[in-house]
Amino acid sequence: MNPTNTKIATAVALALGGGITAAQAAPATPAQCAAAFNYLYVAGSSAAQPAFASALANDLFDSNGETTISATVGNGNFKAYCGFAKAGNGAGVPTGSVVTLYYRAEGGSVTGALPIASGQPIKQLDLTPSACQVAGPVVNGTSASVGTTDGWTGCVSNHAVEMGVTDVDPPQFTKSSGNYPTAYSTTVFGSANLATFSFAGQSRLFDQVFGLYVNTQSINGASSPGAVLNLSREAGAAIFSGDYTDWSEIASANGGAVSNVAAPITVVSREAGSGTRTGASLYFLGSNCNKAALTYVDNFPALDGYATGDVLTYASTIPGAITYASIDNAKTNLTIAQLSGVTPSNLAAATGQYDWWFEAYTQRAATIASPGGLALYNWLKGGELANLATAPQKSDVLVIPNLGTNGPGTGNPPIQIVPLLQNGAIYLNPYSRGSSNCNIPTPANSVPI
């Protein structure tokens, strides 16, 4: 090949994001992201999504940083994370080549489990059309109108979910538990049962800490949100089972009623099948975990959200509203309630003071067809996310003990994996739930892993 042709070939490789090794001067463009050398399609937990973004930015992409492409107009829950692979990335990706991870959080854990169990492809962000190669490609539709039918249009196309992420172990989503995604179209998403939700390849990733978010406006006659709230686990059960519908009926963990005036409770729920909602059902109501389980009552189905951001947005505008989410989320107009006097944090969870945390799971499709996708999956599942050595730097994340290369969580205070983060520290949890999130947290050394 003559020098002129070599220059042309190099330019084409740069444009297409091929296996180049030259240092890049700028972040990857949407066009390069669309023609990535390696890619993987992920769907599921919106609570876990930021951890994936941090892992890629910190340990896969080079110093030019991560290019985040988020769908606009109808829905921002379809994203792509893209960048140039850095040297020694550990994922088997050639240095300097473009890598794209598509992450659909729309539908939450439903889309991380059901399409893999049923083998059905679902809508994923598609950057192939030139009109979609922008920072904010258009995806038409809303969760309320097409979320359960997958009727999204615009910069989307059907694709198999190659890596699914769920906030809890998938068997918790069975029909007998009350947490099955009954509203989702079986024609589009297929169906599943206990056998098909018991994936042979499922494995635990990390712990996530959750909390109650409350809009305290109207409580005790307050004209603006922001008051400190101290609730008991029993109070949460009374709210989510629909037994009490006004804050003046709810006992504060400090004693007396939460509100000295009438203040209606509006529960802003995730949709049935959401891993975050399932976790709240497990923790407060005992769903699928004991014979005396209470039933989750959704009195405001029109407010159901299909991602974490949806419910937080709704709750922030409704005085007296309550919802639930992982504790790394912003709290605009919302207060994270204490539970029996304990403020939720990953340190409180790792020291055994706060036990509303669950082990997130991943499951893989029978076939991962995307170029380099299997290596990316194995890197994320087997090393990066499980070991958490330098990866997801989020304040809701704990390292699962005795998993991957992690040793047992010992010491008081617990071992810090990353000394200081923008939102706190990551800890090696001394406790484990073993093989099921129904299990009571137990010192890891006494739990079969």
Protein backbone atom coordinates (compact mmCIF):
# COMPACT_ATOMS: atom_id res chain seq x y z
CA MET A 1 0.00 0.00 0.00
CA ASN A 2 1.47 3.39 -0.96
CA PRO A 3 1.71 6.27 1.58
CA THR A 4 -1.35 8.02 0.17
CA ASN A 5 -3.50 4.92 0.58
CA THR A 6 -2.09 4.41 4.08
CA LYS A 7 -3.20 7.89 5.06
CA ILE A 8 -6.67 7.21 3.64
CA ALA A 9 -6.95 3.92 5.52
CA THR A 10 -5.89 5.59 8.76
CA ALA A 11 -8.46 8.33 8.29
CA VAL A 12 -11.17 5.74 7.66
CA ALA A 13 -10.13 3.84 10.80
CA LEU A 14 -10.31 7.03 12.81
CA ALA A 15 -13.75 7.83 11.48
CA LEU A 16 -15.08 4.36 12.09
CA GLY A 17 -13.53 3.86 15.51
CA GLY A 18 -11.49 0.84 14.46
CA GLY A 19 -8.63 -0.80 16.33
CA ILE A 20 -6.34 2.20 16.16
CA THR A 21 -3.61 2.87 18.67
CA ALA A 22 -2.75 6.52 18.08
CA ALA A 23 -3.59 8.87 20.93
CA GLN A 24 -6.88 10.69 20.47
CA ALA A 25 -7.11 14.46 20.85
CA ALA A 26 -10.80 14.69 21.73
CA PRO A 27 -13.68 12.58 23.05
CA ALA A 28 -15.34 10.15 20.67
CA THR A 29 -17.99 11.65 18.44
CA PRO A 30 -21.50 10.17 18.12
CA ALA A 31 -20.58 8.99 14.61
CA GLN A 32 -17.57 7.14 15.98
CA CYS A 33 -19.69 5.70 18.79
CA ALA A 34 -22.14 4.38 16.19
CA ALA A 35 -19.32 2.50 14.43
CA ALA A 36 -17.59 1.20 17.56
CA PHE A 37 -14.97 -1.53 17.33
CA ASN A 38 -16.55 -3.33 20.30
CA TYR A 39 -19.99 -2.91 21.84
CA LEU A 40 -22.50 -4.49 24.20
CA TYR A 41 -26.25 -4.10 24.75
CA VAL A 42 -27.28 -3.83 28.40
CA ALA A 43 -30.73 -3.27 29.89
CA GLY A 44 -32.17 -3.19 33.36
CA SER A 45 -31.78 -1.47 36.69
CA SER A 46 -31.87 2.32 36.56
CA ALA A 47 -30.43 2.35 40.10
CA ALA A 48 -27.32 0.48 38.91
CA GLN A 49 -26.84 2.48 35.71
CA PRO A 50 -24.60 5.19 37.22
CA ALA A 51 -22.25 2.48 38.52
CA PHE A 52 -21.76 1.19 34.98
CA ALA A 53 -21.09 4.70 33.70
CA SER A 54 -18.45 5.26 36.39
CA ALA A 55 -16.81 1.89 35.77
CA LEU A 56 -16.40 2.60 32.07
CA ALA A 57 -15.22 6.17 32.58
CA ASN A 58 -12.66 5.20 35.22
CA ASP A 59 -11.27 1.93 33.97
CA LEU A 60 -12.03 1.42 30.27
CA PHE A 61 -11.93 4.79 28.51
CA ASP A 62 -8.78 6.85 28.11
CA SER A 63 -8.11 10.38 29.35
CA ASN A 64 -10.31 11.95 26.67
CA GLY A 65 -13.22 10.84 28.82
CA GLU A 66 -16.61 9.30 28.34
CA THR A 67 -19.06 10.42 25.69
CA THR A 68 -22.56 10.00 27.11
CA ILE A 69 -25.37 10.01 24.57
CA SER A 70 -28.85 10.32 26.06
CA ALA A 71 -32.10 10.12 24.16
CA THR A 72 -34.17 13.29 24.21
CA VAL A 73 -37.74 14.43 23.62
CA GLY A 74 -39.86 11.52 24.87
CA ASN A 75 -37.48 9.61 27.09
CA GLY A 76 -33.96 9.93 28.51
CA ASN A 77 -33.73 6.35 29.76
CA PHE A 78 -32.02 5.14 26.57
CA LYS A 79 -28.28 5.88 26.78
CA ALA A 80 -24.96 5.01 25.20
CA TYR A 81 -21.58 5.30 26.93
CA CYS A 82 -18.67 5.55 24.55
CA GLY A 83 -14.95 6.28 24.47
CA PHE A 84 -11.49 5.28 23.28
CA ALA A 85 -10.09 2.23 25.07
CA LYS A 86 -7.08 2.99 27.22
CA ALA A 87 -4.00 0.84 27.39
CA GLY A 88 -4.18 -2.11 29.77
CA ASN A 89 -7.94 -1.84 30.10
CA GLY A 90 -8.34 -5.51 31.00
CA ALA A 91 -11.37 -6.00 28.77
CA GLY A 92 -9.42 -7.28 25.78
CA VAL A 93 -10.22 -4.12 23.79
CA PRO A 94 -7.43 -2.81 21.53
CA THR A 95 -5.91 0.40 22.81
CA GLY A 96 -7.36 3.46 21.08
CA SER A 97 -10.36 1.69 19.57
CA VAL A 98 -13.86 2.97 20.18
CA VAL A 99 -16.07 1.04 22.61
CA THR A 100 -19.81 1.66 23.08
CA LEU A 101 -22.02 0.24 25.79
CA TYR A 102 -25.74 0.74 25.17
CA TYR A 103 -27.69 0.85 28.42
CA ARG A 104 -31.48 0.90 28.44
CA ALA A 105 -32.83 1.80 31.91
CA GLU A 106 -36.39 2.21 30.63
CA GLY A 107 -38.46 -0.40 32.46
CA GLY A 108 -35.73 -0.99 35.05
CA SER A 109 -35.16 -4.56 36.19
CA VAL A 110 -38.05 -5.77 34.03
CA THR A 111 -35.94 -5.25 30.92
CA GLY A 112 -32.92 -6.80 32.61
CA ALA A 113 -34.67 -10.11 33.26
CA LEU A 114 -37.79 -10.68 31.17
CA PRO A 115 -36.32 -10.31 27.62
CA ILE A 116 -33.43 -12.64 28.50
CA ALA A 117 -35.75 -15.22 30.09
CA SER A 118 -38.12 -15.11 27.10
CA GLY A 119 -35.53 -14.58 24.37
CA GLN A 120 -37.42 -11.57 23.00
CA PRO A 121 -35.57 -8.56 21.50
CA ILE A 122 -36.68 -5.12 22.67
CA LYS A 123 -36.09 -1.52 21.61
CA GLN A 124 -32.57 -0.21 22.18
CA LEU A 125 -30.94 3.08 21.24
CA ASP A 126 -29.81 3.01 17.59
CA LEU A 127 -27.10 5.43 16.47
CA THR A 128 -26.75 4.01 12.96
CA PRO A 129 -28.92 6.59 11.10
CA SER A 130 -26.96 9.79 10.50
CA ALA A 131 -29.78 11.85 12.05
CA CYS A 132 -29.26 9.90 15.29
CA GLN A 133 -25.52 10.62 15.50
CA VAL A 134 -25.97 13.57 17.82
CA ALA A 135 -25.60 14.14 21.57
CA GLY A 136 -29.36 13.90 22.05
CA PRO A 137 -30.94 11.49 19.55
CA VAL A 138 -34.73 11.60 19.46
CA VAL A 139 -36.77 8.77 20.95
CA ASN A 140 -40.50 9.32 20.67
CA GLY A 141 -42.97 8.17 23.29
CA THR A 142 -43.43 8.28 27.04
CA SER A 143 -43.29 5.58 29.68
CA ALA A 144 -46.97 6.04 30.46
CA SER A 145 -48.06 5.70 26.82
CA VAL A 146 -45.75 3.04 25.34
CA GLY A 147 -43.64 1.73 28.22
CA THR A 148 -45.49 -1.57 28.51
CA THR A 149 -45.89 -2.11 24.76
CA ASP A 150 -42.36 -1.04 23.75
CA GLY A 151 -43.88 1.26 21.16
CA TRP A 152 -40.93 3.65 21.02
CA THR A 153 -40.06 5.24 17.70
CA GLY A 154 -37.22 7.38 16.41
CA CYS A 155 -33.61 6.46 17.13
CA VAL A 156 -34.39 2.93 18.31
CA SER A 157 -34.46 -0.56 16.84
CA ASN A 158 -35.05 -4.07 18.15
CA HIS A 159 -32.04 -5.79 19.63
CA ALA A 160 -31.44 -8.68 22.00
CA VAL A 161 -30.53 -7.75 25.56
CA GLU A 162 -27.06 -9.27 25.94
CA MET A 163 -26.48 -8.32 29.58
CA GLY A 164 -29.32 -7.82 32.02
CA VAL A 165 -29.07 -6.05 35.37
CA THR A 166 -31.58 -6.43 38.20
CA ASP A 167 -31.71 -4.84 41.64
CA VAL A 168 -32.56 -8.21 43.22
CA ASP A 169 -32.28 -11.87 42.25
CA PRO A 170 -34.66 -12.57 39.30
CA PRO A 171 -36.73 -15.31 41.04
CA GLN A 172 -38.19 -12.46 43.14
CA PHE A 173 -40.10 -11.39 40.01
CA THR A 174 -42.19 -14.55 39.73
CA LYS A 175 -45.97 -14.29 39.49
CA SER A 176 -46.50 -15.81 42.94
CA SER A 177 -44.53 -12.95 44.53
CA GLY A 178 -46.81 -10.13 43.38
CA ASN A 179 -43.81 -8.48 41.76
CA TYR A 180 -44.28 -9.88 38.26
CA PRO A 181 -44.44 -7.23 35.47
CA THR A 182 -48.06 -8.03 34.65
CA ALA A 183 -48.63 -4.80 32.69
CA TYR A 184 -45.96 -5.61 30.11
CA SER A 185 -47.17 -6.97 26.77
CA THR A 186 -46.46 -10.69 26.47
CA THR A 187 -46.50 -10.30 22.68
CA VAL A 188 -43.53 -7.96 22.85
CA PHE A 189 -41.69 -8.94 26.02
CA GLY A 190 -42.66 -12.60 26.22
CA SER A 191 -43.33 -14.26 29.56
CA ALA A 192 -41.37 -16.10 32.22
CA ASN A 193 -41.80 -18.26 35.30
CA LEU A 194 -39.69 -19.40 38.23
CA ALA A 195 -37.75 -21.85 36.08
CA THR A 196 -36.87 -19.34 33.36
CA PHE A 197 -36.12 -16.59 35.90
CA SER A 198 -33.61 -18.93 37.59
CA PHE A 199 -30.85 -18.16 35.11
CA ALA A 200 -27.96 -20.59 35.09
CA GLY A 201 -25.58 -17.73 34.38
CA GLN A 202 -26.83 -15.19 36.90
CA SER A 203 -24.34 -13.75 39.34
CA ARG A 204 -24.13 -11.04 41.96
CA LEU A 205 -22.48 -7.71 41.16
CA PHE A 206 -22.49 -5.43 44.20
CA ASP A 207 -24.73 -4.19 47.00
CA GLN A 208 -27.01 -1.17 46.58
CA VAL A 209 -28.33 0.87 49.50
CA PHE A 210 -31.88 2.25 49.25
CA GLY A 211 -33.88 4.87 51.10
CA LEU A 212 -37.26 6.55 51.40
CA TYR A 213 -37.56 9.94 49.70
CA VAL A 214 -40.29 12.17 51.14
CA ASN A 215 -41.64 15.57 50.11
CA THR A 216 -42.22 16.97 53.60
CA GLN A 217 -44.16 19.98 52.39
CA SER A 218 -47.61 19.91 54.13
CA ILE A 219 -46.33 17.65 56.93
CA ASN A 220 -46.89 19.56 60.19
CA GLY A 221 -48.24 22.35 58.02
CA ALA A 222 -44.84 23.09 56.43
CA SER A 223 -45.03 25.42 53.43
CA SER A 224 -41.82 24.04 51.91
CA PRO A 225 -40.04 20.67 51.92
CA GLY A 226 -36.90 19.88 53.89
CA ALA A 227 -37.90 18.69 57.36
CA VAL A 228 -36.09 15.77 59.01
CA LEU A 229 -38.24 12.63 59.11
CA ASN A 230 -37.66 9.56 61.28
CA LEU A 231 -39.73 6.54 60.32
CA SER A 232 -39.82 2.93 61.46
CA ARG A 233 -39.90 -0.13 59.26
CA GLU A 234 -43.44 -0.74 60.54
CA ALA A 235 -44.46 2.74 59.36
CA GLY A 236 -43.16 1.93 55.88
CA ALA A 237 -45.17 -1.30 55.90
CA ALA A 238 -48.33 0.60 56.91
CA ILE A 239 -47.82 3.06 54.05
CA PHE A 240 -47.02 0.59 51.26
CA SER A 241 -49.80 -1.81 52.27
CA GLY A 242 -52.27 1.07 52.11
CA ASP A 243 -53.31 0.73 55.76
CA TYR A 244 -52.66 4.42 56.45
CA THR A 245 -53.08 7.25 53.97
CA ASP A 246 -52.33 10.37 56.03
CA TRP A 247 -49.13 11.41 57.79
CA SER A 248 -51.13 12.25 60.90
CA GLU A 249 -51.89 8.49 61.20
CA ILE A 250 -48.23 7.44 60.99
CA ALA A 251 -46.20 7.08 64.17
CA SER A 252 -42.78 8.71 64.11
CA ALA A 253 -39.88 6.64 65.38
CA ASN A 254 -39.25 9.58 67.72
CA GLY A 255 -42.70 9.11 69.27
CA GLY A 256 -46.05 10.71 68.46
CA ALA A 257 -47.50 11.22 64.99
CA VAL A 258 -45.36 12.27 62.05
CA SER A 259 -47.71 15.20 61.39
CA ASN A 260 -49.82 17.19 63.83
CA VAL A 261 -52.18 18.22 61.03
CA ALA A 262 -53.86 16.26 58.24
CA ALA A 263 -51.38 15.69 55.41
CA PRO A 264 -52.33 13.12 52.75
CA ILE A 265 -49.73 10.52 51.78
CA THR A 266 -49.20 10.09 48.06
CA VAL A 267 -47.15 6.98 47.28
CA VAL A 268 -45.25 7.44 44.02
CA SER A 269 -44.44 3.87 42.95
CA ARG A 270 -42.27 2.23 40.40
CA GLU A 271 -44.22 -0.05 38.07
CA ALA A 272 -44.81 -3.70 39.01
CA GLY A 273 -41.70 -5.65 38.08
CA SER A 274 -39.29 -2.85 38.95
CA GLY A 275 -36.37 -4.10 41.01
CA THR A 276 -36.49 -1.04 43.25
CA ARG A 277 -40.19 -1.59 43.93
CA THR A 278 -39.57 -5.30 44.49
CA GLY A 279 -36.84 -4.45 46.97
CA ALA A 280 -39.19 -2.13 48.87
CA SER A 281 -41.80 -4.90 48.89
CA LEU A 282 -39.27 -7.41 50.23
CA TYR A 283 -37.93 -5.08 52.89
CA PHE A 284 -41.12 -3.56 54.26
CA LEU A 285 -43.76 -6.18 53.42
CA GLY A 286 -41.86 -9.47 53.31
CA SER A 287 -43.10 -10.20 49.78
CA ASN A 288 -42.03 -13.62 48.52
CA CYS A 289 -39.97 -14.14 51.68
CA ASN A 290 -42.43 -15.16 54.38
CA LYS A 291 -45.93 -16.56 54.70
CA ALA A 292 -47.19 -13.51 56.57
CA ALA A 293 -46.22 -11.15 53.75
CA LEU A 294 -48.36 -8.06 53.23
CA THR A 295 -49.57 -6.95 49.82
CA TYR A 296 -48.16 -3.86 48.13
CA VAL A 297 -51.10 -1.55 47.36
CA ASP A 298 -50.67 0.91 44.49
CA ASN A 299 -53.34 3.56 45.10
CA PHE A 300 -51.89 5.99 42.56
CA PRO A 301 -51.10 3.94 39.42
CA ALA A 302 -51.17 7.04 37.21
CA LEU A 303 -47.99 8.17 39.02
CA ASP A 304 -46.08 4.94 38.46
CA GLY A 305 -42.62 5.64 37.05
CA TYR A 306 -40.55 3.44 34.77
CA ALA A 307 -37.16 4.66 36.00
CA THR A 308 -35.67 6.13 39.16
CA GLY A 309 -35.62 9.65 37.77
CA ASP A 310 -39.32 9.47 36.95
CA VAL A 311 -40.51 8.78 40.50
CA LEU A 312 -38.16 11.32 42.06
CA THR A 313 -39.41 13.98 39.66
CA TYR A 314 -43.06 13.19 40.39
CA ALA A 315 -42.56 13.08 44.17
CA SER A 316 -40.67 16.38 44.22
CA THR A 317 -43.78 18.22 43.00
CA ILE A 318 -46.38 16.61 45.29
CA PRO A 319 -46.62 17.74 48.94
CA GLY A 320 -46.64 14.70 51.24
CA ALA A 321 -45.39 12.34 48.52
CA ILE A 322 -43.16 9.37 49.33
CA THR A 323 -41.12 7.18 46.99
CA TYR A 324 -37.99 5.01 47.10
CA ALA A 325 -34.67 4.93 45.29
CA SER A 326 -30.99 4.17 45.73
CA ILE A 327 -29.37 6.75 47.97
CA ASP A 328 -26.97 8.19 45.38
CA ASN A 329 -29.78 10.18 43.76
CA ALA A 330 -30.23 13.94 44.01
CA LYS A 331 -32.78 15.08 46.59
CA THR A 332 -34.34 18.23 45.08
CA ASN A 333 -37.40 19.08 47.23
CA LEU A 334 -37.08 15.66 48.87
CA THR A 335 -35.77 14.42 52.21
CA ILE A 336 -34.21 10.98 52.69
CA ALA A 337 -35.94 9.71 55.80
CA GLN A 338 -34.11 8.17 58.70
CA LEU A 339 -35.14 4.62 59.54
CA SER A 340 -35.36 4.12 63.30
CA GLY A 341 -32.99 7.03 63.81
CA VAL A 342 -30.38 5.91 61.26
CA THR A 343 -29.61 8.08 58.24
CA PRO A 344 -29.10 5.85 55.18
CA SER A 345 -25.49 5.61 54.03
CA ASN A 346 -23.21 2.90 52.76
CA LEU A 347 -21.15 3.22 55.95
CA ALA A 348 -24.27 2.67 58.10
CA ALA A 349 -25.07 -0.38 55.95
CA ALA A 350 -21.55 -1.78 56.19
CA THR A 351 -21.53 -1.42 59.98
CA GLY A 352 -24.84 -3.26 60.38
CA GLN A 353 -26.84 -0.21 61.49
CA TYR A 354 -28.91 0.03 58.31
CA ASP A 355 -30.14 -3.09 56.53
CA TRP A 356 -32.16 -1.83 53.54
CA TRP A 357 -29.68 -2.93 50.94
CA PHE A 358 -29.84 -5.68 48.35
CA GLU A 359 -27.43 -7.50 46.10
CA ALA A 360 -27.73 -6.53 42.44
CA TYR A 361 -27.54 -9.32 39.88
CA THR A 362 -26.52 -9.70 36.29
CA GLN A 363 -27.61 -12.30 33.77
CA ARG A 364 -26.48 -12.89 30.22
CA ALA A 365 -28.20 -13.89 27.05
CA ALA A 366 -27.58 -17.37 25.68
CA THR A 367 -25.72 -15.70 22.80
CA ILE A 368 -23.79 -12.43 22.83
CA ALA A 369 -23.38 -11.58 19.17
CA SER A 370 -21.96 -8.05 19.34
CA PRO A 371 -18.26 -7.85 18.38
CA GLY A 372 -16.22 -7.99 21.58
CA GLY A 373 -19.43 -8.10 23.58
CA LEU A 374 -18.65 -11.33 25.41
CA ALA A 375 -15.27 -10.01 26.56
CA LEU A 376 -16.92 -6.78 27.76
CA TYR A 377 -19.56 -8.79 29.61
CA ASN A 378 -16.97 -11.00 31.28
CA TRP A 379 -14.90 -7.96 32.26
CA LEU A 380 -17.86 -6.16 33.79
CA LYS A 381 -19.37 -9.19 35.50
CA GLY A 382 -16.33 -11.14 36.54
CA GLY A 383 -13.88 -8.43 37.48
CA GLU A 384 -14.81 -4.79 37.18
CA LEU A 385 -18.22 -4.63 38.86
CA ALA A 386 -17.87 -7.64 41.14
CA ASN A 387 -14.48 -6.73 42.54
CA LEU A 388 -15.10 -2.98 42.64
CA ALA A 389 -11.40 -2.34 43.08
CA THR A 390 -11.45 1.08 41.44
CA ALA A 391 -14.76 0.96 39.64
CA PRO A 392 -18.27 2.25 40.43
CA GLN A 393 -17.64 5.23 42.64
CA LYS A 394 -21.18 5.85 43.83
CA SER A 395 -22.43 6.47 47.35
CA ASP A 396 -25.02 3.68 47.25
CA VAL A 397 -22.56 0.89 46.40
CA LEU A 398 -20.99 -1.71 48.70
CA VAL A 399 -18.59 -4.47 47.76
CA ILE A 400 -19.92 -8.01 48.24
CA PRO A 401 -17.50 -10.04 50.40
CA ASN A 402 -15.95 -13.29 49.18
CA LEU A 403 -16.93 -12.48 45.58
CA GLY A 404 -14.46 -12.43 42.73
CA THR A 405 -11.10 -11.47 44.18
CA ASN A 406 -12.65 -9.78 47.22
CA GLY A 407 -11.83 -11.24 50.60
CA PRO A 408 -14.13 -11.30 53.62
CA GLY A 409 -15.29 -7.97 55.00
CA THR A 410 -13.67 -7.64 58.40
CA GLY A 411 -12.78 -4.91 60.85
CA ASN A 412 -14.57 -2.07 62.53
CA PRO A 413 -14.87 0.28 60.76
CA PRO A 414 -15.21 -1.87 57.63
CA ILE A 415 -12.50 -1.90 55.00
CA GLN A 416 -12.56 1.00 52.55
CA ILE A 417 -11.95 -0.07 48.98
CA VAL A 418 -11.52 3.45 47.62
CA PRO A 419 -10.41 5.91 50.31
CA LEU A 420 -12.32 9.01 49.30
CA LEU A 421 -14.92 9.60 46.62
CA GLN A 422 -16.97 12.56 45.51
CA ASN A 423 -19.88 11.21 47.55
CA GLY A 424 -18.12 9.32 50.32
CA ALA A 425 -16.36 5.95 50.31
CA ILE A 426 -16.95 2.40 49.09
CA TYR A 427 -16.74 -0.31 51.73
CA LEU A 428 -16.19 -4.05 51.67
CA ASN A 429 -19.40 -5.14 53.36
CA PRO A 430 -18.83 -7.53 56.31
CA TYR A 431 -22.34 -8.87 55.72
CA SER A 432 -23.83 -10.95 52.93
CA ARG A 433 -27.27 -12.11 51.84
CA GLY A 434 -25.80 -15.21 50.26
CA SER A 435 -27.74 -16.60 47.32
CA SER A 436 -31.04 -14.83 47.93
CA ASN A 437 -32.12 -11.32 48.89
CA CYS A 438 -34.71 -12.93 51.18
CA ASN A 439 -31.84 -13.89 53.49
CA ILE A 440 -31.16 -11.79 56.58
CA PRO A 441 -27.74 -10.09 56.36
CA THR A 442 -25.24 -12.33 58.09
CA PRO A 443 -21.48 -12.02 58.72
CA ALA A 444 -19.95 -13.14 55.45
CA ASN A 445 -17.68 -15.78 56.94
CA SER A 446 -20.71 -17.76 58.11
CA VAL A 447 -22.64 -17.58 54.84
CA PRO A 448 -22.12 -20.14 52.06
CA ILE A 449 -21.17 -18.12 48.99
